[in-house]
Amino acid sequence: MNARVERFNRTIQEEFMDAQLDVMAEDLGEFNHLLMDWLIWYNTVRPHYGLGQVSPMRYLISNFGLSNMSWTHTWTLLFKL
């Protein structure tokens, strides 16, 4: 489990934080908003090698079906099936 967490931390560092160091130094609030946007993109759009080149949300839908209880208003606005 720890190896997976560390890999996720590395992905955040390499794909997001390294490009946003100036924003983090100047405006932490803006950095947090950008990070939230990136995390939504990471889970809904970005293909993941370990999931067969699909996003985590697409993987969940494909393998476990669609549940109205799992959707948030943000998700329905950002990702159209």
PDB file of N, CA and C in Angstrom:
ATOM      1  N   MET A   1       0.825  -1.185   0.000  1.00  0.00           N
ATOM      2  CA  MET A   1       0.000   0.000   0.000  1.00  0.00           C
ATOM      3  C   MET A   1       0.877   1.260   0.000  1.00  0.00           C
ATOM      4  N   ASN A   2       1.927   1.266   0.812  1.00  0.00           N
ATOM      5  CA  ASN A   2       2.782   2.437   0.897  1.00  0.00           C
ATOM      6  C   ASN A   2       3.426   2.761  -0.450  1.00  0.00           C
ATOM      7  N   ALA A   3       3.796   1.738  -1.218  1.00  0.00           N
ATOM      8  CA  ALA A   3       4.418   1.969  -2.520  1.00  0.00           C
ATOM      9  C   ALA A   3       3.447   2.684  -3.458  1.00  0.00           C
ATOM     10  N   ARG A   4       2.183   2.351  -3.390  1.00  0.00           N
ATOM     11  CA  ARG A   4       1.189   3.010  -4.245  1.00  0.00           C
ATOM     12  C   ARG A   4       0.994   4.468  -3.853  1.00  0.00           C
ATOM     13  N   VAL A   5       0.982   4.713  -2.563  1.00  0.00           N
ATOM     14  CA  VAL A   5       0.857   6.097  -2.088  1.00  0.00           C
ATOM     15  C   VAL A   5       2.075   6.903  -2.523  1.00  0.00           C
ATOM     16  N   GLU A   6       3.246   6.328  -2.370  1.00  0.00           N
ATOM     17  CA  GLU A   6       4.461   7.025  -2.780  1.00  0.00           C
ATOM     18  C   GLU A   6       4.474   7.283  -4.284  1.00  0.00           C
ATOM     19  N   ARG A   7       3.971   6.345  -5.076  1.00  0.00           N
ATOM     20  CA  ARG A   7       3.920   6.542  -6.529  1.00  0.00           C
ATOM     21  C   ARG A   7       2.959   7.678  -6.875  1.00  0.00           C
ATOM     22  N   PHE A   8       1.831   7.742  -6.185  1.00  0.00           N
ATOM     23  CA  PHE A   8       0.878   8.829  -6.409  1.00  0.00           C
ATOM     24  C   PHE A   8       1.511  10.164  -6.036  1.00  0.00           C
ATOM     25  N   ASN A   9       2.218  10.199  -4.914  1.00  0.00           N
ATOM     26  CA  ASN A   9       2.906  11.436  -4.513  1.00  0.00           C
ATOM     27  C   ASN A   9       3.923  11.865  -5.569  1.00  0.00           C
ATOM     28  N   ARG A  10       4.638  10.902  -6.136  1.00  0.00           N
ATOM     29  CA  ARG A  10       5.609  11.216  -7.184  1.00  0.00           C
ATOM     30  C   ARG A  10       4.913  11.771  -8.427  1.00  0.00           C
ATOM     31  N   THR A  11       3.782  11.194  -8.785  1.00  0.00           N
ATOM     32  CA  THR A  11       3.028  11.680  -9.943  1.00  0.00           C
ATOM     33  C   THR A  11       2.576  13.117  -9.728  1.00  0.00           C
ATOM     34  N   ILE A  12       2.050  13.420  -8.550  1.00  0.00           N
ATOM     35  CA  ILE A  12       1.645  14.795  -8.247  1.00  0.00           C
ATOM     36  C   ILE A  12       2.847  15.732  -8.356  1.00  0.00           C
ATOM     37  N   GLN A  13       3.963  15.309  -7.803  1.00  0.00           N
ATOM     38  CA  GLN A  13       5.166  16.148  -7.833  1.00  0.00           C
ATOM     39  C   GLN A  13       5.618  16.411  -9.268  1.00  0.00           C
ATOM     40  N   GLU A  14       5.720  15.342 -10.065  1.00  0.00           N
ATOM     41  CA  GLU A  14       6.269  15.476 -11.418  1.00  0.00           C
ATOM     42  C   GLU A  14       5.293  16.129 -12.399  1.00  0.00           C
ATOM     43  N   GLU A  15       4.022  15.787 -12.306  1.00  0.00           N
ATOM     44  CA  GLU A  15       3.059  16.262 -13.299  1.00  0.00           C
ATOM     45  C   GLU A  15       2.392  17.582 -12.924  1.00  0.00           C
ATOM     46  N   PHE A  16       2.377  17.919 -11.650  1.00  0.00           N
ATOM     47  CA  PHE A  16       1.685  19.146 -11.250  1.00  0.00           C
ATOM     48  C   PHE A  16       2.585  20.129 -10.510  1.00  0.00           C
ATOM     49  N   MET A  17       3.113  19.714  -9.397  1.00  0.00           N
ATOM     50  CA  MET A  17       3.799  20.664  -8.512  1.00  0.00           C
ATOM     51  C   MET A  17       5.035  21.297  -9.136  1.00  0.00           C
ATOM     52  N   ASP A  18       5.823  20.519  -9.870  1.00  0.00           N
ATOM     53  CA  ASP A  18       7.035  21.082 -10.465  1.00  0.00           C
ATOM     54  C   ASP A  18       6.717  22.247 -11.402  1.00  0.00           C
ATOM     55  N   ALA A  19       5.561  22.201 -12.046  1.00  0.00           N
ATOM     56  CA  ALA A  19       5.169  23.271 -12.968  1.00  0.00           C
ATOM     57  C   ALA A  19       4.484  24.432 -12.251  1.00  0.00           C
ATOM     58  N   GLN A  20       4.124  24.253 -10.990  1.00  0.00           N
ATOM     59  CA  GLN A  20       3.360  25.274 -10.267  1.00  0.00           C
ATOM     60  C   GLN A  20       4.103  25.853  -9.068  1.00  0.00           C
ATOM     61  N   LEU A  21       5.408  25.716  -9.015  1.00  0.00           N
ATOM     62  CA  LEU A  21       6.162  26.196  -7.855  1.00  0.00           C
ATOM     63  C   LEU A  21       6.039  27.706  -7.673  1.00  0.00           C
ATOM     64  N   ASP A  22       6.032  28.467  -8.760  1.00  0.00           N
ATOM     65  CA  ASP A  22       5.897  29.923  -8.650  1.00  0.00           C
ATOM     66  C   ASP A  22       4.545  30.305  -8.069  1.00  0.00           C
ATOM     67  N   VAL A  23       3.495  29.634  -8.530  1.00  0.00           N
ATOM     68  CA  VAL A  23       2.141  29.917  -8.019  1.00  0.00           C
ATOM     69  C   VAL A  23       2.080  29.570  -6.541  1.00  0.00           C
ATOM     70  N   MET A  24       2.664  28.442  -6.159  1.00  0.00           N
ATOM     71  CA  MET A  24       2.639  28.027  -4.759  1.00  0.00           C
ATOM     72  C   MET A  24       3.343  29.062  -3.883  1.00  0.00           C
ATOM     73  N   ALA A  25       4.425  29.627  -4.364  1.00  0.00           N
ATOM     74  CA  ALA A  25       5.178  30.608  -3.583  1.00  0.00           C
ATOM     75  C   ALA A  25       4.439  31.935  -3.473  1.00  0.00           C
ATOM     76  N   GLU A  26       3.672  32.294  -4.500  1.00  0.00           N
ATOM     77  CA  GLU A  26       3.026  33.607  -4.544  1.00  0.00           C
ATOM     78  C   GLU A  26       1.605  33.616  -3.982  1.00  0.00           C
ATOM     79  N   ASP A  27       0.840  32.558  -4.252  1.00  0.00           N
ATOM     80  CA  ASP A  27      -0.578  32.563  -3.873  1.00  0.00           C
ATOM     81  C   ASP A  27      -1.027  31.142  -3.569  1.00  0.00           C
ATOM     82  N   LEU A  28      -0.990  30.776  -2.301  1.00  0.00           N
ATOM     83  CA  LEU A  28      -1.324  29.416  -1.894  1.00  0.00           C
ATOM     84  C   LEU A  28      -2.783  29.075  -2.208  1.00  0.00           C
ATOM     85  N   GLY A  29      -3.679  30.051  -2.097  1.00  0.00           N
ATOM     86  CA  GLY A  29      -5.084  29.813  -2.426  1.00  0.00           C
ATOM     87  C   GLY A  29      -5.258  29.435  -3.889  1.00  0.00           C
ATOM     88  N   GLU A  30      -4.603  30.161  -4.763  1.00  0.00           N
ATOM     89  CA  GLU A  30      -4.662  29.856  -6.196  1.00  0.00           C
ATOM     90  C   GLU A  30      -4.042  28.496  -6.478  1.00  0.00           C
ATOM     91  N   PHE A  31      -2.931  28.199  -5.806  1.00  0.00           N
ATOM     92  CA  PHE A  31      -2.293  26.886  -5.958  1.00  0.00           C
ATOM     93  C   PHE A  31      -3.270  25.772  -5.582  1.00  0.00           C
ATOM     94  N   ASN A  32      -3.989  25.934  -4.472  1.00  0.00           N
ATOM     95  CA  ASN A  32      -4.949  24.919  -4.037  1.00  0.00           C
ATOM     96  C   ASN A  32      -6.077  24.744  -5.050  1.00  0.00           C
ATOM     97  N   HIS A  33      -6.554  25.836  -5.642  1.00  0.00           N
ATOM     98  CA  HIS A  33      -7.591  25.731  -6.675  1.00  0.00           C
ATOM     99  C   HIS A  33      -7.066  24.993  -7.899  1.00  0.00           C
ATOM    100  N   LEU A  34      -5.849  25.298  -8.306  1.00  0.00           N
ATOM    101  CA  LEU A  34      -5.250  24.598  -9.441  1.00  0.00           C
ATOM    102  C   LEU A  34      -5.052  23.111  -9.132  1.00  0.00           C
ATOM    103  N   LEU A  35      -4.665  22.811  -7.902  1.00  0.00           N
ATOM    104  CA  LEU A  35      -4.487  21.413  -7.508  1.00  0.00           C
ATOM    105  C   LEU A  35      -5.814  20.664  -7.531  1.00  0.00           C
ATOM    106  N   MET A  36      -6.876  21.279  -7.052  1.00  0.00           N
ATOM    107  CA  MET A  36      -8.194  20.634  -7.104  1.00  0.00           C
ATOM    108  C   MET A  36      -8.607  20.355  -8.540  1.00  0.00           C
ATOM    109  N   ASP A  37      -8.398  21.322  -9.423  1.00  0.00           N
ATOM    110  CA  ASP A  37      -8.711  21.109 -10.846  1.00  0.00           C
ATOM    111  C   ASP A  37      -7.880  19.964 -11.416  1.00  0.00           C
ATOM    112  N   TRP A  38      -6.603  19.914 -11.067  1.00  0.00           N
ATOM    113  CA  TRP A  38      -5.728  18.866 -11.569  1.00  0.00           C
ATOM    114  C   TRP A  38      -6.168  17.494 -11.057  1.00  0.00           C
ATOM    115  N   LEU A  39      -6.547  17.410  -9.786  1.00  0.00           N
ATOM    116  CA  LEU A  39      -6.992  16.134  -9.223  1.00  0.00           C
ATOM    117  C   LEU A  39      -8.280  15.644  -9.882  1.00  0.00           C
ATOM    118  N   ILE A  40      -9.192  16.561 -10.191  1.00  0.00           N
ATOM    119  CA  ILE A  40     -10.404  16.166 -10.911  1.00  0.00           C
ATOM    120  C   ILE A  40     -10.033  15.642 -12.286  1.00  0.00           C
ATOM    121  N   TRP A  41      -9.141  16.339 -12.989  1.00  0.00           N
ATOM    122  CA  TRP A  41      -8.690  15.884 -14.299  1.00  0.00           C
ATOM    123  C   TRP A  41      -8.004  14.527 -14.185  1.00  0.00           C
ATOM    124  N   TYR A  42      -7.157  14.365 -13.175  1.00  0.00           N
ATOM    125  CA  TYR A  42      -6.408  13.124 -12.973  1.00  0.00           C
ATOM    126  C   TYR A  42      -7.340  11.923 -12.823  1.00  0.00           C
ATOM    127  N   ASN A  43      -8.438  12.111 -12.122  1.00  0.00           N
ATOM    128  CA  ASN A  43      -9.363  11.008 -11.859  1.00  0.00           C
ATOM    129  C   ASN A  43     -10.445  10.822 -12.911  1.00  0.00           C
ATOM    130  N   THR A  44     -10.676  11.825 -13.745  1.00  0.00           N
ATOM    131  CA  THR A  44     -11.785  11.715 -14.698  1.00  0.00           C
ATOM    132  C   THR A  44     -11.364  11.683 -16.154  1.00  0.00           C
ATOM    133  N   VAL A  45     -10.187  12.187 -16.469  1.00  0.00           N
ATOM    134  CA  VAL A  45      -9.777  12.296 -17.870  1.00  0.00           C
ATOM    135  C   VAL A  45      -8.469  11.553 -18.148  1.00  0.00           C
ATOM    136  N   ARG A  46      -7.482  11.725 -17.315  1.00  0.00           N
ATOM    137  CA  ARG A  46      -6.133  11.194 -17.564  1.00  0.00           C
ATOM    138  C   ARG A  46      -6.151   9.668 -17.629  1.00  0.00           C
ATOM    139  N   PRO A  47      -5.623   9.106 -18.736  1.00  0.00           N
ATOM    140  CA  PRO A  47      -5.528   7.649 -18.813  1.00  0.00           C
ATOM    141  C   PRO A  47      -4.468   7.115 -17.853  1.00  0.00           C
ATOM    142  N   HIS A  48      -4.753   5.989 -17.237  1.00  0.00           N
ATOM    143  CA  HIS A  48      -3.843   5.352 -16.286  1.00  0.00           C
ATOM    144  C   HIS A  48      -3.402   4.015 -16.853  1.00  0.00           C
ATOM    145  N   TYR A  49      -2.117   3.808 -16.920  1.00  0.00           N
ATOM    146  CA  TYR A  49      -1.563   2.578 -17.476  1.00  0.00           C
ATOM    147  C   TYR A  49      -2.087   1.333 -16.749  1.00  0.00           C
ATOM    148  N   GLY A  50      -2.128   1.388 -15.445  1.00  0.00           N
ATOM    149  CA  GLY A  50      -2.572   0.242 -14.646  1.00  0.00           C
ATOM    150  C   GLY A  50      -4.038  -0.098 -14.810  1.00  0.00           C
ATOM    151  N   LEU A  51      -4.799   0.794 -15.419  1.00  0.00           N
ATOM    152  CA  LEU A  51      -6.233   0.561 -15.637  1.00  0.00           C
ATOM    153  C   LEU A  51      -6.550   0.336 -17.106  1.00  0.00           C
ATOM    154  N   GLY A  52      -5.548   0.008 -17.897  1.00  0.00           N
ATOM    155  CA  GLY A  52      -5.782  -0.252 -19.312  1.00  0.00           C
ATOM    156  C   GLY A  52      -5.952   1.014 -20.130  1.00  0.00           C
ATOM    157  N   GLN A  53      -5.243   2.061 -19.753  1.00  0.00           N
ATOM    158  CA  GLN A  53      -5.263   3.355 -20.460  1.00  0.00           C
ATOM    159  C   GLN A  53      -6.631   4.045 -20.434  1.00  0.00           C
ATOM    160  N   VAL A  54      -7.352   3.887 -19.339  1.00  0.00           N
ATOM    161  CA  VAL A  54      -8.592   4.645 -19.136  1.00  0.00           C
ATOM    162  C   VAL A  54      -8.480   5.381 -17.808  1.00  0.00           C
ATOM    163  N   SER A  55      -9.332   6.376 -17.610  1.00  0.00           N
ATOM    164  CA  SER A  55      -9.319   7.126 -16.353  1.00  0.00           C
ATOM    165  C   SER A  55      -9.926   6.267 -15.236  1.00  0.00           C
ATOM    166  N   PRO A  56      -9.608   6.573 -13.993  1.00  0.00           N
ATOM    167  CA  PRO A  56     -10.197   5.813 -12.887  1.00  0.00           C
ATOM    168  C   PRO A  56     -11.727   5.840 -12.909  1.00  0.00           C
ATOM    169  N   MET A  57     -12.318   6.980 -13.210  1.00  0.00           N
ATOM    170  CA  MET A  57     -13.773   7.046 -13.224  1.00  0.00           C
ATOM    171  C   MET A  57     -14.353   6.202 -14.346  1.00  0.00           C
ATOM    172  N   ARG A  58     -13.735   6.257 -15.526  1.00  0.00           N
ATOM    173  CA  ARG A  58     -14.192   5.425 -16.643  1.00  0.00           C
ATOM    174  C   ARG A  58     -14.067   3.943 -16.286  1.00  0.00           C
ATOM    175  N   TYR A  59     -12.985   3.574 -15.615  1.00  0.00           N
ATOM    176  CA  TYR A  59     -12.777   2.191 -15.190  1.00  0.00           C
ATOM    177  C   TYR A  59     -13.897   1.750 -14.241  1.00  0.00           C
ATOM    178  N   LEU A  60     -14.204   2.591 -13.261  1.00  0.00           N
ATOM    179  CA  LEU A  60     -15.265   2.250 -12.312  1.00  0.00           C
ATOM    180  C   LEU A  60     -16.615   2.077 -13.006  1.00  0.00           C
ATOM    181  N   ILE A  61     -16.926   2.979 -13.917  1.00  0.00           N
ATOM    182  CA  ILE A  61     -18.195   2.895 -14.633  1.00  0.00           C
ATOM    183  C   ILE A  61     -18.245   1.625 -15.478  1.00  0.00           C
ATOM    184  N   SER A  62     -17.180   1.339 -16.187  1.00  0.00           N
ATOM    185  CA  SER A  62     -17.134   0.180 -17.077  1.00  0.00           C
ATOM    186  C   SER A  62     -17.208  -1.137 -16.317  1.00  0.00           C
ATOM    187  N   ASN A  63     -16.619  -1.194 -15.142  1.00  0.00           N
ATOM    188  CA  ASN A  63     -16.529  -2.462 -14.418  1.00  0.00           C
ATOM    189  C   ASN A  63     -17.562  -2.647 -13.317  1.00  0.00           C
ATOM    190  N   PHE A  64     -18.119  -1.559 -12.837  1.00  0.00           N
ATOM    191  CA  PHE A  64     -19.040  -1.681 -11.716  1.00  0.00           C
ATOM    192  C   PHE A  64     -20.381  -1.011 -11.964  1.00  0.00           C
ATOM    193  N   GLY A  65     -20.567  -0.445 -13.140  1.00  0.00           N
ATOM    194  CA  GLY A  65     -21.842   0.170 -13.469  1.00  0.00           C
ATOM    195  C   GLY A  65     -21.971   1.578 -12.938  1.00  0.00           C
ATOM    196  N   LEU A  66     -23.074   2.167 -13.260  1.00  0.00           N
ATOM    197  CA  LEU A  66     -23.343   3.549 -12.912  1.00  0.00           C
ATOM    198  C   LEU A  66     -24.279   3.614 -11.721  1.00  0.00           C
ATOM    199  N   SER A  67     -23.886   4.343 -10.719  1.00  0.00           N
ATOM    200  CA  SER A  67     -24.725   4.538  -9.553  1.00  0.00           C
ATOM    201  C   SER A  67     -24.949   6.029  -9.373  1.00  0.00           C
ATOM    202  N   ASN A  68     -26.183   6.437  -9.293  1.00  0.00           N
ATOM    203  CA  ASN A  68     -26.484   7.861  -9.084  1.00  0.00           C
ATOM    204  C   ASN A  68     -25.914   8.369  -7.770  1.00  0.00           C
ATOM    205  N   MET A  69     -25.721   7.487  -6.803  1.00  0.00           N
ATOM    206  CA  MET A  69     -25.196   7.914  -5.511  1.00  0.00           C
ATOM    207  C   MET A  69     -23.717   8.263  -5.589  1.00  0.00           C
ATOM    208  N   SER A  70     -23.017   7.794  -6.625  1.00  0.00           N
ATOM    209  CA  SER A  70     -21.586   8.064  -6.709  1.00  0.00           C
ATOM    210  C   SER A  70     -21.267   9.352  -7.454  1.00  0.00           C
ATOM    211  N   TRP A  71     -22.252   9.981  -8.040  1.00  0.00           N
ATOM    212  CA  TRP A  71     -22.001  11.175  -8.850  1.00  0.00           C
ATOM    213  C   TRP A  71     -22.134  12.435  -8.023  1.00  0.00           C
ATOM    214  N   THR A  72     -21.272  13.364  -8.295  1.00  0.00           N
ATOM    215  CA  THR A  72     -21.374  14.677  -7.687  1.00  0.00           C
ATOM    216  C   THR A  72     -21.779  15.673  -8.762  1.00  0.00           C
ATOM    217  N   HIS A  73     -22.242  16.819  -8.357  1.00  0.00           N
ATOM    218  CA  HIS A  73     -22.606  17.857  -9.312  1.00  0.00           C
ATOM    219  C   HIS A  73     -21.385  18.251 -10.150  1.00  0.00           C
ATOM    220  N   THR A  74     -20.219  18.324  -9.524  1.00  0.00           N
ATOM    221  CA  THR A  74     -18.991  18.677 -10.241  1.00  0.00           C
ATOM    222  C   THR A  74     -18.710  17.646 -11.321  1.00  0.00           C
ATOM    223  N   TRP A  75     -18.842  16.397 -10.988  1.00  0.00           N
ATOM    224  CA  TRP A  75     -18.567  15.330 -11.959  1.00  0.00           C
ATOM    225  C   TRP A  75     -19.480  15.458 -13.173  1.00  0.00           C
ATOM    226  N   THR A  76     -20.765  15.679 -12.974  1.00  0.00           N
ATOM    227  CA  THR A  76     -21.675  15.739 -14.116  1.00  0.00           C
ATOM    228  C   THR A  76     -21.374  16.940 -15.004  1.00  0.00           C
ATOM    229  N   LEU A  77     -20.857  18.005 -14.452  1.00  0.00           N
ATOM    230  CA  LEU A  77     -20.510  19.177 -15.249  1.00  0.00           C
ATOM    231  C   LEU A  77     -19.219  18.982 -16.022  1.00  0.00           C
ATOM    232  N   LEU A  78     -18.289  18.224 -15.488  1.00  0.00           N
ATOM    233  CA  LEU A  78     -16.971  18.106 -16.080  1.00  0.00           C
ATOM    234  C   LEU A  78     -16.833  16.959 -17.075  1.00  0.00           C
ATOM    235  N   PHE A  79     -17.581  15.908 -16.871  1.00  0.00           N
ATOM    236  CA  PHE A  79     -17.313  14.704 -17.646  1.00  0.00           C
ATOM    237  C   PHE A  79     -18.606  14.167 -18.220  1.00  0.00           C
ATOM    238  N   LYS A  80     -18.751  14.220 -19.500  1.00  0.00           N
ATOM    239  CA  LYS A  80     -19.939  13.703 -20.173  1.00  0.00           C
ATOM    240  C   LYS A  80     -19.623  12.329 -20.741  1.00  0.00           C
ATOM    241  N   LEU A  81     -20.491  11.371 -20.499  1.00  0.00           N
ATOM    242  CA  LEU A  81     -20.268  10.011 -20.997  1.00  0.00           C
ATOM    243  C   LEU A  81     -20.624   9.907 -22.459  1.00  0.00           C
TER     244      LEU A  81
END
